[in-house]
Amino acid sequence: MTAPEPTSGVPVWARKRKKQGNPLVGWVLVPLALLGALTAGLAIQAKSFTAAGARLDGWIATAQARVEQVVKPAAKAKAAVSAPQAVAAPIGPAALPATPIPAEAAPVVAQSGGKGG
């Protein structure tokens, strides 16, 4: 009979696990595996990898057309507003009003007593 392994006194659920691998690998491999499974399923259904690829290309072209319908008008609207048109008045002393603001219309600014409070 062999002796049992010594225990550290820490419960199993509280022990540190071994460090996992790079999470980027999971973020890349999982979508690629799903894409491969989708392609294989379509190839089985169409009985041809060429037909499955053509079907996927059609889906991608449809998605690209929909994105372009949304992005192109937004890009044209953004390009229509240029920097000189966006600034209506110059900034500086020339932009200040010539007449002084009456005291009752001026904003009230609170002043502190000096010790921050």
N, C-alpha and C. Protein backbone atom coordinates (compact mmCIF):
# COMPACT_ATOMS: atom_id res chain seq x y z
N MET A 1 0.83 -1.16 0.00
CA MET A 1 0.00 0.00 0.00
C MET A 1 0.88 1.24 0.00
N THR A 2 0.50 2.25 -0.82
CA THR A 2 1.31 3.45 -0.90
C THR A 2 0.76 4.53 0.03
N ALA A 3 1.66 5.41 0.43
CA ALA A 3 1.24 6.49 1.32
C ALA A 3 0.51 7.56 0.52
N PRO A 4 -0.51 8.18 1.10
CA PRO A 4 -1.23 9.25 0.38
C PRO A 4 -0.33 10.47 0.19
N GLU A 5 -0.65 11.24 -0.84
CA GLU A 5 0.12 12.45 -1.11
C GLU A 5 -0.10 13.47 0.00
N PRO A 6 0.93 14.22 0.35
CA PRO A 6 0.73 15.25 1.37
C PRO A 6 -0.17 16.37 0.83
N THR A 7 -1.02 16.91 1.68
CA THR A 7 -1.92 17.99 1.27
C THR A 7 -1.42 19.30 1.85
N SER A 8 -1.79 20.39 1.20
CA SER A 8 -1.33 21.71 1.65
C SER A 8 -2.29 22.33 2.64
N GLY A 9 -3.43 21.74 2.85
CA GLY A 9 -4.41 22.31 3.75
C GLY A 9 -5.32 23.33 3.09
N VAL A 10 -5.13 23.59 1.79
CA VAL A 10 -5.97 24.53 1.06
C VAL A 10 -7.03 23.73 0.33
N PRO A 11 -8.30 24.17 0.41
CA PRO A 11 -9.36 23.44 -0.32
C PRO A 11 -9.09 23.43 -1.82
N VAL A 12 -9.61 22.43 -2.48
CA VAL A 12 -9.38 22.24 -3.91
C VAL A 12 -9.84 23.47 -4.70
N TRP A 13 -11.00 24.03 -4.35
CA TRP A 13 -11.55 25.16 -5.10
C TRP A 13 -10.78 26.46 -4.86
N ALA A 14 -9.96 26.52 -3.84
CA ALA A 14 -9.19 27.73 -3.56
C ALA A 14 -7.77 27.67 -4.11
N ARG A 15 -7.37 26.52 -4.62
CA ARG A 15 -6.01 26.40 -5.16
C ARG A 15 -5.90 27.15 -6.48
N LYS A 16 -4.73 27.68 -6.75
CA LYS A 16 -4.50 28.39 -8.00
C LYS A 16 -4.39 27.38 -9.12
N ARG A 17 -5.03 27.73 -10.22
CA ARG A 17 -4.95 26.86 -11.39
C ARG A 17 -3.69 27.18 -12.18
N LYS A 18 -3.31 26.23 -13.01
CA LYS A 18 -2.18 26.47 -13.88
C LYS A 18 -2.56 27.56 -14.87
N LYS A 19 -1.58 28.37 -15.24
CA LYS A 19 -1.83 29.46 -16.17
C LYS A 19 -2.23 28.90 -17.53
N GLN A 20 -3.31 29.45 -18.05
CA GLN A 20 -3.79 29.03 -19.36
C GLN A 20 -2.92 29.65 -20.44
N GLY A 21 -3.14 29.23 -21.67
CA GLY A 21 -2.37 29.75 -22.79
C GLY A 21 -2.81 31.16 -23.17
N ASN A 22 -2.34 31.63 -24.27
CA ASN A 22 -2.64 32.96 -24.78
C ASN A 22 -4.12 33.03 -25.18
N PRO A 23 -4.88 33.99 -24.64
CA PRO A 23 -6.31 34.08 -25.00
C PRO A 23 -6.53 34.51 -26.44
N LEU A 24 -5.53 35.15 -27.06
CA LEU A 24 -5.68 35.55 -28.45
C LEU A 24 -5.84 34.33 -29.35
N VAL A 25 -5.21 33.24 -28.99
CA VAL A 25 -5.33 32.01 -29.77
C VAL A 25 -6.79 31.55 -29.81
N GLY A 26 -7.47 31.64 -28.68
CA GLY A 26 -8.88 31.27 -28.62
C GLY A 26 -9.75 32.19 -29.45
N TRP A 27 -9.44 33.48 -29.42
CA TRP A 27 -10.23 34.45 -30.18
C TRP A 27 -10.01 34.29 -31.68
N VAL A 28 -8.93 33.70 -32.09
CA VAL A 28 -8.68 33.48 -33.51
C VAL A 28 -9.14 32.09 -33.93
N LEU A 29 -8.83 31.08 -33.14
CA LEU A 29 -9.14 29.71 -33.53
C LEU A 29 -10.64 29.39 -33.50
N VAL A 30 -11.37 29.93 -32.54
CA VAL A 30 -12.80 29.61 -32.44
C VAL A 30 -13.56 30.12 -33.67
N PRO A 31 -13.41 31.39 -34.09
CA PRO A 31 -14.12 31.81 -35.31
C PRO A 31 -13.67 31.04 -36.55
N LEU A 32 -12.38 30.73 -36.63
CA LEU A 32 -11.91 29.96 -37.79
C LEU A 32 -12.51 28.56 -37.80
N ALA A 33 -12.62 27.94 -36.63
CA ALA A 33 -13.24 26.61 -36.54
C ALA A 33 -14.72 26.68 -36.92
N LEU A 34 -15.42 27.73 -36.46
CA LEU A 34 -16.83 27.88 -36.82
C LEU A 34 -17.00 28.11 -38.31
N LEU A 35 -16.12 28.91 -38.91
CA LEU A 35 -16.17 29.14 -40.35
C LEU A 35 -15.90 27.85 -41.12
N GLY A 36 -14.95 27.08 -40.64
CA GLY A 36 -14.66 25.79 -41.28
C GLY A 36 -15.83 24.83 -41.17
N ALA A 37 -16.48 24.79 -40.01
CA ALA A 37 -17.65 23.92 -39.84
C ALA A 37 -18.80 24.37 -40.74
N LEU A 38 -18.99 25.69 -40.85
CA LEU A 38 -20.03 26.21 -41.74
C LEU A 38 -19.74 25.85 -43.18
N THR A 39 -18.49 26.02 -43.60
CA THR A 39 -18.12 25.68 -44.97
C THR A 39 -18.30 24.19 -45.23
N ALA A 40 -17.90 23.36 -44.29
CA ALA A 40 -18.06 21.90 -44.47
C ALA A 40 -19.54 21.53 -44.53
N GLY A 41 -20.36 22.16 -43.68
CA GLY A 41 -21.80 21.87 -43.72
C GLY A 41 -22.43 22.28 -45.03
N LEU A 42 -22.05 23.46 -45.52
CA LEU A 42 -22.58 23.89 -46.82
C LEU A 42 -22.07 23.02 -47.96
N ALA A 43 -20.82 22.56 -47.84
CA ALA A 43 -20.26 21.68 -48.88
C ALA A 43 -20.99 20.35 -48.91
N ILE A 44 -21.35 19.85 -47.74
CA ILE A 44 -22.09 18.58 -47.70
C ILE A 44 -23.48 18.78 -48.29
N GLN A 45 -24.11 19.91 -47.95
CA GLN A 45 -25.45 20.18 -48.46
C GLN A 45 -25.45 20.36 -49.98
N ALA A 46 -24.47 21.13 -50.49
CA ALA A 46 -24.42 21.41 -51.92
C ALA A 46 -23.65 20.35 -52.70
N LYS A 47 -23.01 19.42 -51.98
CA LYS A 47 -22.20 18.37 -52.57
C LYS A 47 -21.03 18.92 -53.38
N SER A 48 -20.55 20.12 -52.98
CA SER A 48 -19.42 20.73 -53.67
C SER A 48 -18.87 21.87 -52.83
N PHE A 49 -17.54 21.86 -52.64
CA PHE A 49 -16.93 22.96 -51.92
C PHE A 49 -16.98 24.25 -52.75
N THR A 50 -16.97 24.13 -54.06
CA THR A 50 -17.06 25.30 -54.93
C THR A 50 -18.39 26.00 -54.74
N ALA A 51 -19.46 25.24 -54.70
CA ALA A 51 -20.79 25.82 -54.51
C ALA A 51 -20.93 26.43 -53.11
N ALA A 52 -20.32 25.77 -52.13
CA ALA A 52 -20.37 26.31 -50.77
C ALA A 52 -19.61 27.63 -50.70
N GLY A 53 -18.45 27.70 -51.35
CA GLY A 53 -17.69 28.95 -51.38
C GLY A 53 -18.43 30.06 -52.10
N ALA A 54 -19.11 29.71 -53.19
CA ALA A 54 -19.88 30.71 -53.93
C ALA A 54 -21.04 31.23 -53.07
N ARG A 55 -21.64 30.36 -52.31
CA ARG A 55 -22.75 30.78 -51.43
C ARG A 55 -22.24 31.71 -50.34
N LEU A 56 -21.10 31.37 -49.73
CA LEU A 56 -20.50 32.25 -48.72
C LEU A 56 -20.09 33.59 -49.33
N ASP A 57 -19.55 33.57 -50.55
CA ASP A 57 -19.18 34.81 -51.22
C ASP A 57 -20.41 35.69 -51.46
N GLY A 58 -21.53 35.07 -51.78
CA GLY A 58 -22.77 35.83 -51.97
C GLY A 58 -23.23 36.48 -50.68
N TRP A 59 -23.12 35.75 -49.57
CA TRP A 59 -23.50 36.32 -48.27
C TRP A 59 -22.59 37.50 -47.91
N ILE A 60 -21.29 37.35 -48.18
CA ILE A 60 -20.35 38.43 -47.87
C ILE A 60 -20.62 39.64 -48.75
N ALA A 61 -20.91 39.43 -50.03
CA ALA A 61 -21.20 40.55 -50.94
C ALA A 61 -22.48 41.28 -50.50
N THR A 62 -23.49 40.54 -50.05
CA THR A 62 -24.72 41.17 -49.57
C THR A 62 -24.45 42.01 -48.33
N ALA A 63 -23.68 41.47 -47.41
CA ALA A 63 -23.35 42.21 -46.19
C ALA A 63 -22.53 43.45 -46.52
N GLN A 64 -21.59 43.34 -47.45
CA GLN A 64 -20.77 44.48 -47.83
C GLN A 64 -21.63 45.56 -48.47
N ALA A 65 -22.58 45.19 -49.31
CA ALA A 65 -23.46 46.18 -49.94
C ALA A 65 -24.30 46.91 -48.90
N ARG A 66 -24.79 46.19 -47.90
CA ARG A 66 -25.59 46.83 -46.85
C ARG A 66 -24.75 47.80 -46.03
N VAL A 67 -23.52 47.41 -45.73
CA VAL A 67 -22.63 48.30 -44.96
C VAL A 67 -22.32 49.56 -45.78
N GLU A 68 -22.07 49.40 -47.06
CA GLU A 68 -21.77 50.55 -47.91
C GLU A 68 -22.97 51.48 -48.02
N GLN A 69 -24.20 50.95 -47.99
CA GLN A 69 -25.39 51.79 -48.02
C GLN A 69 -25.45 52.70 -46.80
N VAL A 70 -24.95 52.23 -45.68
CA VAL A 70 -24.98 53.01 -44.45
C VAL A 70 -23.77 53.93 -44.36
N VAL A 71 -22.61 53.45 -44.75
CA VAL A 71 -21.37 54.20 -44.55
C VAL A 71 -21.19 55.32 -45.57
N LYS A 72 -21.51 55.10 -46.82
CA LYS A 72 -21.25 56.11 -47.85
C LYS A 72 -22.02 57.40 -47.60
N PRO A 73 -23.33 57.39 -47.28
CA PRO A 73 -24.00 58.67 -47.00
C PRO A 73 -23.40 59.38 -45.78
N ALA A 74 -23.01 58.62 -44.77
CA ALA A 74 -22.40 59.24 -43.59
C ALA A 74 -21.06 59.86 -43.94
N ALA A 75 -20.28 59.20 -44.77
CA ALA A 75 -18.99 59.75 -45.18
C ALA A 75 -19.17 61.00 -46.03
N LYS A 76 -20.19 61.02 -46.90
CA LYS A 76 -20.45 62.21 -47.71
C LYS A 76 -20.89 63.37 -46.83
N ALA A 77 -21.72 63.10 -45.82
CA ALA A 77 -22.17 64.16 -44.93
C ALA A 77 -21.01 64.71 -44.11
N LYS A 78 -20.11 63.85 -43.69
CA LYS A 78 -18.95 64.29 -42.92
C LYS A 78 -18.01 65.11 -43.79
N ALA A 79 -17.85 64.73 -45.04
CA ALA A 79 -16.96 65.46 -45.95
C ALA A 79 -17.56 66.81 -46.33
N ALA A 80 -18.89 66.94 -46.28
CA ALA A 80 -19.54 68.19 -46.65
C ALA A 80 -19.23 69.29 -45.65
N VAL A 81 -19.02 68.92 -44.39
CA VAL A 81 -18.70 69.90 -43.36
C VAL A 81 -17.18 69.96 -43.24
N SER A 82 -16.61 71.06 -43.70
CA SER A 82 -15.16 71.20 -43.60
C SER A 82 -14.83 72.12 -42.44
N ALA A 83 -13.59 72.19 -42.05
CA ALA A 83 -13.17 72.98 -40.89
C ALA A 83 -13.47 74.46 -41.03
N PRO A 84 -13.21 75.14 -42.16
CA PRO A 84 -13.52 76.58 -42.24
C PRO A 84 -15.01 76.86 -42.13
N GLN A 85 -15.87 75.99 -42.60
CA GLN A 85 -17.31 76.21 -42.51
C GLN A 85 -17.82 75.96 -41.10
N ALA A 86 -17.16 75.11 -40.35
CA ALA A 86 -17.62 74.78 -39.02
C ALA A 86 -17.39 75.93 -38.05
N VAL A 87 -16.36 76.75 -38.26
CA VAL A 87 -16.06 77.88 -37.37
C VAL A 87 -16.76 79.11 -37.95
N ALA A 88 -17.81 79.59 -37.28
CA ALA A 88 -18.59 80.70 -37.79
C ALA A 88 -17.97 82.05 -37.44
N ALA A 89 -17.40 82.17 -36.23
CA ALA A 89 -16.86 83.45 -35.79
C ALA A 89 -15.43 83.25 -35.33
N PRO A 90 -14.60 84.27 -35.46
CA PRO A 90 -13.23 84.14 -34.98
C PRO A 90 -13.19 84.05 -33.47
N ILE A 91 -12.18 83.39 -32.95
CA ILE A 91 -12.02 83.24 -31.51
C ILE A 91 -10.95 84.24 -31.06
N GLY A 92 -11.26 85.00 -30.03
CA GLY A 92 -10.31 85.99 -29.53
C GLY A 92 -11.01 87.28 -29.18
N PRO A 93 -10.26 88.36 -28.97
CA PRO A 93 -10.86 89.62 -28.57
C PRO A 93 -11.84 90.17 -29.59
N ALA A 94 -11.64 89.88 -30.87
CA ALA A 94 -12.55 90.39 -31.90
C ALA A 94 -13.93 89.75 -31.79
N ALA A 95 -14.05 88.58 -31.16
CA ALA A 95 -15.33 87.90 -31.04
C ALA A 95 -16.15 88.38 -29.85
N LEU A 96 -15.57 89.19 -28.96
CA LEU A 96 -16.28 89.67 -27.78
C LEU A 96 -17.25 90.77 -28.17
N PRO A 97 -18.37 90.87 -27.44
CA PRO A 97 -19.33 91.93 -27.77
C PRO A 97 -18.75 93.30 -27.45
N ALA A 98 -19.18 94.32 -28.22
CA ALA A 98 -18.67 95.67 -28.03
C ALA A 98 -19.27 96.32 -26.80
N THR A 99 -20.50 95.95 -26.45
CA THR A 99 -21.15 96.55 -25.29
C THR A 99 -20.96 95.65 -24.08
N PRO A 100 -20.77 96.24 -22.89
CA PRO A 100 -20.60 95.42 -21.70
C PRO A 100 -21.90 94.73 -21.30
N ILE A 101 -21.78 93.60 -20.62
CA ILE A 101 -22.95 92.84 -20.15
C ILE A 101 -23.43 93.49 -18.86
N PRO A 102 -24.75 93.76 -18.72
CA PRO A 102 -25.25 94.33 -17.48
C PRO A 102 -24.98 93.41 -16.30
N ALA A 103 -24.82 93.99 -15.10
CA ALA A 103 -24.46 93.23 -13.91
C ALA A 103 -25.52 92.20 -13.55
N GLU A 104 -26.80 92.52 -13.75
CA GLU A 104 -27.86 91.56 -13.38
C GLU A 104 -27.92 90.38 -14.34
N ALA A 105 -27.35 90.49 -15.54
CA ALA A 105 -27.34 89.39 -16.51
C ALA A 105 -26.06 88.56 -16.41
N ALA A 106 -25.06 89.06 -15.70
CA ALA A 106 -23.79 88.35 -15.59
C ALA A 106 -23.96 87.13 -14.70
N PRO A 107 -23.27 86.04 -14.99
CA PRO A 107 -23.38 84.84 -14.16
C PRO A 107 -22.74 85.07 -12.79
N VAL A 108 -23.31 84.45 -11.78
CA VAL A 108 -22.82 84.56 -10.41
C VAL A 108 -21.76 83.50 -10.21
N VAL A 109 -20.59 83.89 -9.74
CA VAL A 109 -19.49 82.98 -9.49
C VAL A 109 -19.26 82.90 -8.00
N ALA A 110 -19.35 81.71 -7.43
CA ALA A 110 -19.15 81.53 -5.99
C ALA A 110 -17.66 81.62 -5.68
N GLN A 111 -17.34 82.29 -4.56
CA GLN A 111 -15.95 82.40 -4.15
C GLN A 111 -15.79 81.64 -2.85
N SER A 112 -14.70 80.90 -2.74
CA SER A 112 -14.47 80.12 -1.52
C SER A 112 -13.72 80.98 -0.51
N GLY A 113 -13.75 80.57 0.74
CA GLY A 113 -13.13 81.31 1.82
C GLY A 113 -11.62 81.19 1.87
N GLY A 114 -11.02 80.32 1.14
CA GLY A 114 -9.56 80.24 1.11
C GLY A 114 -9.03 78.88 1.54
N LYS A 115 -9.76 78.11 2.35
CA LYS A 115 -9.25 76.81 2.79
C LYS A 115 -9.97 75.67 2.07
N GLY A 116 -10.44 75.91 0.88
CA GLY A 116 -11.00 74.84 0.07
C GLY A 116 -12.34 74.34 0.55
N GLY A 117 -13.20 75.19 1.02
CA GLY A 117 -14.40 74.58 1.46
C GLY A 117 -15.56 75.42 1.51
